[in-house]
Amino acid sequence: MKLYYYAIDGDDIGACLEKHALSNDLEAIRYLSTNVYKCLDNIKTYLEENSATIVFCGGDSILATSENRIEITIDKLTFGEFSFSAGIGDTCCNATLALKKAKGLGKKRIEVML
């Protein structure tokens, strides 16, 4: 059985968190946390509605698998000021490498390595 792997990660969310932490801005951190959680929940729901199995969902990242290729567009990964990049692969390793490529080529991207 062939599986597709989806590695999804927030763009610049870690740097934003770090900036707020270094500024002792707990309100901004709460805002970030609440909104990133909502974004991840939307992405997770979309994947599950398309028969994906969620392997990991935490922080600003998701790893999922599915037996069928799920159509993911950048509008499914963009929520106002927050965006996510994705890598799709035929192995977990290739999905991770595709995600690294998406981030390296400018973020807010989807790259595929099948």
C-alpha atoms as a PDB file:
ATOM      1  CA  MET A   1       0.000   0.000   0.000  1.00  0.00           C
ATOM      2  CA  LYS A   2       1.410   3.355  -1.061  1.00  0.00           C
ATOM      3  CA  LEU A   3       1.261   6.197   1.441  1.00  0.00           C
ATOM      4  CA  TYR A   4       1.619   9.928   0.969  1.00  0.00           C
ATOM      5  CA  TYR A   5       3.272  11.954   3.713  1.00  0.00           C
ATOM      6  CA  TYR A   6       2.552  15.586   4.577  1.00  0.00           C
ATOM      7  CA  ALA A   7       5.012  17.668   6.608  1.00  0.00           C
ATOM      8  CA  ILE A   8       3.605  21.104   7.451  1.00  0.00           C
ATOM      9  CA  ASP A   9       5.293  23.819   9.491  1.00  0.00           C
ATOM     10  CA  GLY A  10       4.556  27.438  10.389  1.00  0.00           C
ATOM     11  CA  ASP A  11       6.514  30.193   8.679  1.00  0.00           C
ATOM     12  CA  ASP A  12       8.510  32.435  11.013  1.00  0.00           C
ATOM     13  CA  ILE A  13       6.372  31.475  14.005  1.00  0.00           C
ATOM     14  CA  GLY A  14       9.382  30.394  16.078  1.00  0.00           C
ATOM     15  CA  ALA A  15      11.122  33.695  15.394  1.00  0.00           C
ATOM     16  CA  CYS A  16       7.962  35.588  16.325  1.00  0.00           C
ATOM     17  CA  LEU A  17       7.700  33.658  19.584  1.00  0.00           C
ATOM     18  CA  GLU A  18      11.349  34.325  20.347  1.00  0.00           C
ATOM     19  CA  LYS A  19      10.917  38.063  19.692  1.00  0.00           C
ATOM     20  CA  HIS A  20       7.953  38.273  22.070  1.00  0.00           C
ATOM     21  CA  ALA A  21       9.730  36.192  24.719  1.00  0.00           C
ATOM     22  CA  LEU A  22      12.810  38.391  24.574  1.00  0.00           C
ATOM     23  CA  SER A  23      10.540  41.431  24.967  1.00  0.00           C
ATOM     24  CA  ASN A  24       8.716  39.835  27.923  1.00  0.00           C
ATOM     25  CA  ASP A  25       5.460  40.347  26.004  1.00  0.00           C
ATOM     26  CA  LEU A  26       3.238  37.624  27.451  1.00  0.00           C
ATOM     27  CA  GLU A  27       0.078  39.023  25.861  1.00  0.00           C
ATOM     28  CA  ALA A  28       1.626  38.749  22.403  1.00  0.00           C
ATOM     29  CA  ILE A  29       2.724  35.184  23.205  1.00  0.00           C
ATOM     30  CA  ARG A  30      -0.821  34.286  24.286  1.00  0.00           C
ATOM     31  CA  TYR A  31      -2.192  35.821  21.080  1.00  0.00           C
ATOM     32  CA  LEU A  32       0.342  33.878  19.015  1.00  0.00           C
ATOM     33  CA  SER A  33      -0.402  30.624  20.828  1.00  0.00           C
ATOM     34  CA  THR A  34      -4.167  30.953  20.480  1.00  0.00           C
ATOM     35  CA  ASN A  35      -4.031  31.818  16.803  1.00  0.00           C
ATOM     36  CA  VAL A  36      -1.416  29.257  15.792  1.00  0.00           C
ATOM     37  CA  TYR A  37      -3.502  26.594  17.545  1.00  0.00           C
ATOM     38  CA  LYS A  38      -6.574  27.691  15.533  1.00  0.00           C
ATOM     39  CA  CYS A  39      -4.578  27.536  12.288  1.00  0.00           C
ATOM     40  CA  LEU A  40      -3.249  24.057  13.072  1.00  0.00           C
ATOM     41  CA  ASP A  41      -6.739  22.887  13.992  1.00  0.00           C
ATOM     42  CA  ASN A  42      -8.068  24.111  10.620  1.00  0.00           C
ATOM     43  CA  ILE A  43      -5.284  22.331   8.724  1.00  0.00           C
ATOM     44  CA  LYS A  44      -5.701  19.164  10.810  1.00  0.00           C
ATOM     45  CA  THR A  45      -9.470  19.154  10.212  1.00  0.00           C
ATOM     46  CA  TYR A  46      -8.984  19.577   6.460  1.00  0.00           C
ATOM     47  CA  LEU A  47      -6.526  16.686   6.352  1.00  0.00           C
ATOM     48  CA  GLU A  48      -8.768  14.427   8.446  1.00  0.00           C
ATOM     49  CA  GLU A  49     -11.810  15.280   6.299  1.00  0.00           C
ATOM     50  CA  ASN A  50      -9.734  14.003   3.371  1.00  0.00           C
ATOM     51  CA  SER A  51      -8.944  10.691   5.108  1.00  0.00           C
ATOM     52  CA  ALA A  52      -5.494  11.579   6.451  1.00  0.00           C
ATOM     53  CA  THR A  53      -4.107  10.103   9.631  1.00  0.00           C
ATOM     54  CA  ILE A  54      -2.427  12.643  11.886  1.00  0.00           C
ATOM     55  CA  VAL A  55       0.902  11.320  13.176  1.00  0.00           C
ATOM     56  CA  PHE A  56       1.973  14.504  14.978  1.00  0.00           C
ATOM     57  CA  CYS A  57       0.278  17.829  15.646  1.00  0.00           C
ATOM     58  CA  GLY A  58       1.947  20.259  18.006  1.00  0.00           C
ATOM     59  CA  GLY A  59       3.757  23.554  18.258  1.00  0.00           C
ATOM     60  CA  ASP A  60       3.401  24.889  14.738  1.00  0.00           C
ATOM     61  CA  SER A  61       3.828  21.558  12.905  1.00  0.00           C
ATOM     62  CA  ILE A  62       1.797  18.675  11.526  1.00  0.00           C
ATOM     63  CA  LEU A  63       2.902  15.335  10.127  1.00  0.00           C
ATOM     64  CA  ALA A  64       0.197  13.284   8.433  1.00  0.00           C
ATOM     65  CA  THR A  65      -0.192  10.305   6.117  1.00  0.00           C
ATOM     66  CA  SER A  66      -2.869   9.234   3.670  1.00  0.00           C
ATOM     67  CA  GLU A  67      -3.460   6.461   1.186  1.00  0.00           C
ATOM     68  CA  ASN A  68      -4.734   8.952  -1.388  1.00  0.00           C
ATOM     69  CA  ARG A  69      -3.058  12.157  -2.526  1.00  0.00           C
ATOM     70  CA  ILE A  70      -4.718  15.133  -0.853  1.00  0.00           C
ATOM     71  CA  GLU A  71      -4.899  18.365  -2.811  1.00  0.00           C
ATOM     72  CA  ILE A  72      -3.316  21.035  -0.653  1.00  0.00           C
ATOM     73  CA  THR A  73      -3.188  24.596  -1.937  1.00  0.00           C
ATOM     74  CA  ILE A  74      -1.471  27.567  -0.336  1.00  0.00           C
ATOM     75  CA  ASP A  75      -4.849  29.103   0.554  1.00  0.00           C
ATOM     76  CA  LYS A  76      -5.437  26.091   2.838  1.00  0.00           C
ATOM     77  CA  LEU A  77      -2.196  27.034   4.615  1.00  0.00           C
ATOM     78  CA  THR A  78      -2.668  30.813   4.926  1.00  0.00           C
ATOM     79  CA  PHE A  79      -4.631  32.474   7.711  1.00  0.00           C
ATOM     80  CA  GLY A  80      -4.267  36.244   7.648  1.00  0.00           C
ATOM     81  CA  GLU A  81      -0.912  37.064   9.219  1.00  0.00           C
ATOM     82  CA  PHE A  82       0.036  33.391   9.658  1.00  0.00           C
ATOM     83  CA  SER A  83       1.251  31.117   6.883  1.00  0.00           C
ATOM     84  CA  PHE A  84       2.550  27.573   6.710  1.00  0.00           C
ATOM     85  CA  SER A  85       4.774  25.714   4.280  1.00  0.00           C
ATOM     86  CA  ALA A  86       4.320  22.085   3.298  1.00  0.00           C
ATOM     87  CA  GLY A  87       6.293  19.189   1.940  1.00  0.00           C
ATOM     88  CA  ILE A  88       4.579  16.220   0.329  1.00  0.00           C
ATOM     89  CA  GLY A  89       6.499  13.011  -0.217  1.00  0.00           C
ATOM     90  CA  ASP A  90       6.298   9.288  -0.778  1.00  0.00           C
ATOM     91  CA  THR A  91       8.232   8.757   2.463  1.00  0.00           C
ATOM     92  CA  CYS A  92       8.417  10.681   5.704  1.00  0.00           C
ATOM     93  CA  CYS A  93      11.997  11.581   4.802  1.00  0.00           C
ATOM     94  CA  ASN A  94      11.008  12.964   1.388  1.00  0.00           C
ATOM     95  CA  ALA A  95       8.137  14.975   2.876  1.00  0.00           C
ATOM     96  CA  THR A  96      10.575  16.486   5.380  1.00  0.00           C
ATOM     97  CA  LEU A  97      13.098  17.264   2.634  1.00  0.00           C
ATOM     98  CA  ALA A  98      10.330  18.810   0.513  1.00  0.00           C
ATOM     99  CA  LEU A  99       9.348  20.978   3.487  1.00  0.00           C
ATOM    100  CA  LYS A 100      12.973  22.083   3.913  1.00  0.00           C
ATOM    101  CA  LYS A 101      13.046  22.973   0.204  1.00  0.00           C
ATOM    102  CA  ALA A 102       9.801  24.974   0.523  1.00  0.00           C
ATOM    103  CA  LYS A 103      11.232  26.920   3.460  1.00  0.00           C
ATOM    104  CA  GLY A 104      14.566  27.459   1.690  1.00  0.00           C
ATOM    105  CA  LEU A 105      12.882  28.809  -1.436  1.00  0.00           C
ATOM    106  CA  GLY A 106      10.971  31.503   0.398  1.00  0.00           C
ATOM    107  CA  LYS A 107       8.323  29.956   2.654  1.00  0.00           C
ATOM    108  CA  LYS A 108       4.539  30.048   2.131  1.00  0.00           C
ATOM    109  CA  ARG A 109       5.144  27.291  -0.406  1.00  0.00           C
ATOM    110  CA  ILE A 110       4.301  23.674  -1.111  1.00  0.00           C
ATOM    111  CA  GLU A 111       6.969  21.382  -2.514  1.00  0.00           C
ATOM    112  CA  VAL A 112       6.524  17.786  -3.647  1.00  0.00           C
ATOM    113  CA  MET A 113       9.045  14.926  -3.719  1.00  0.00           C
ATOM    114  CA  LEU A 114       7.301  11.764  -4.925  1.00  0.00           C
END
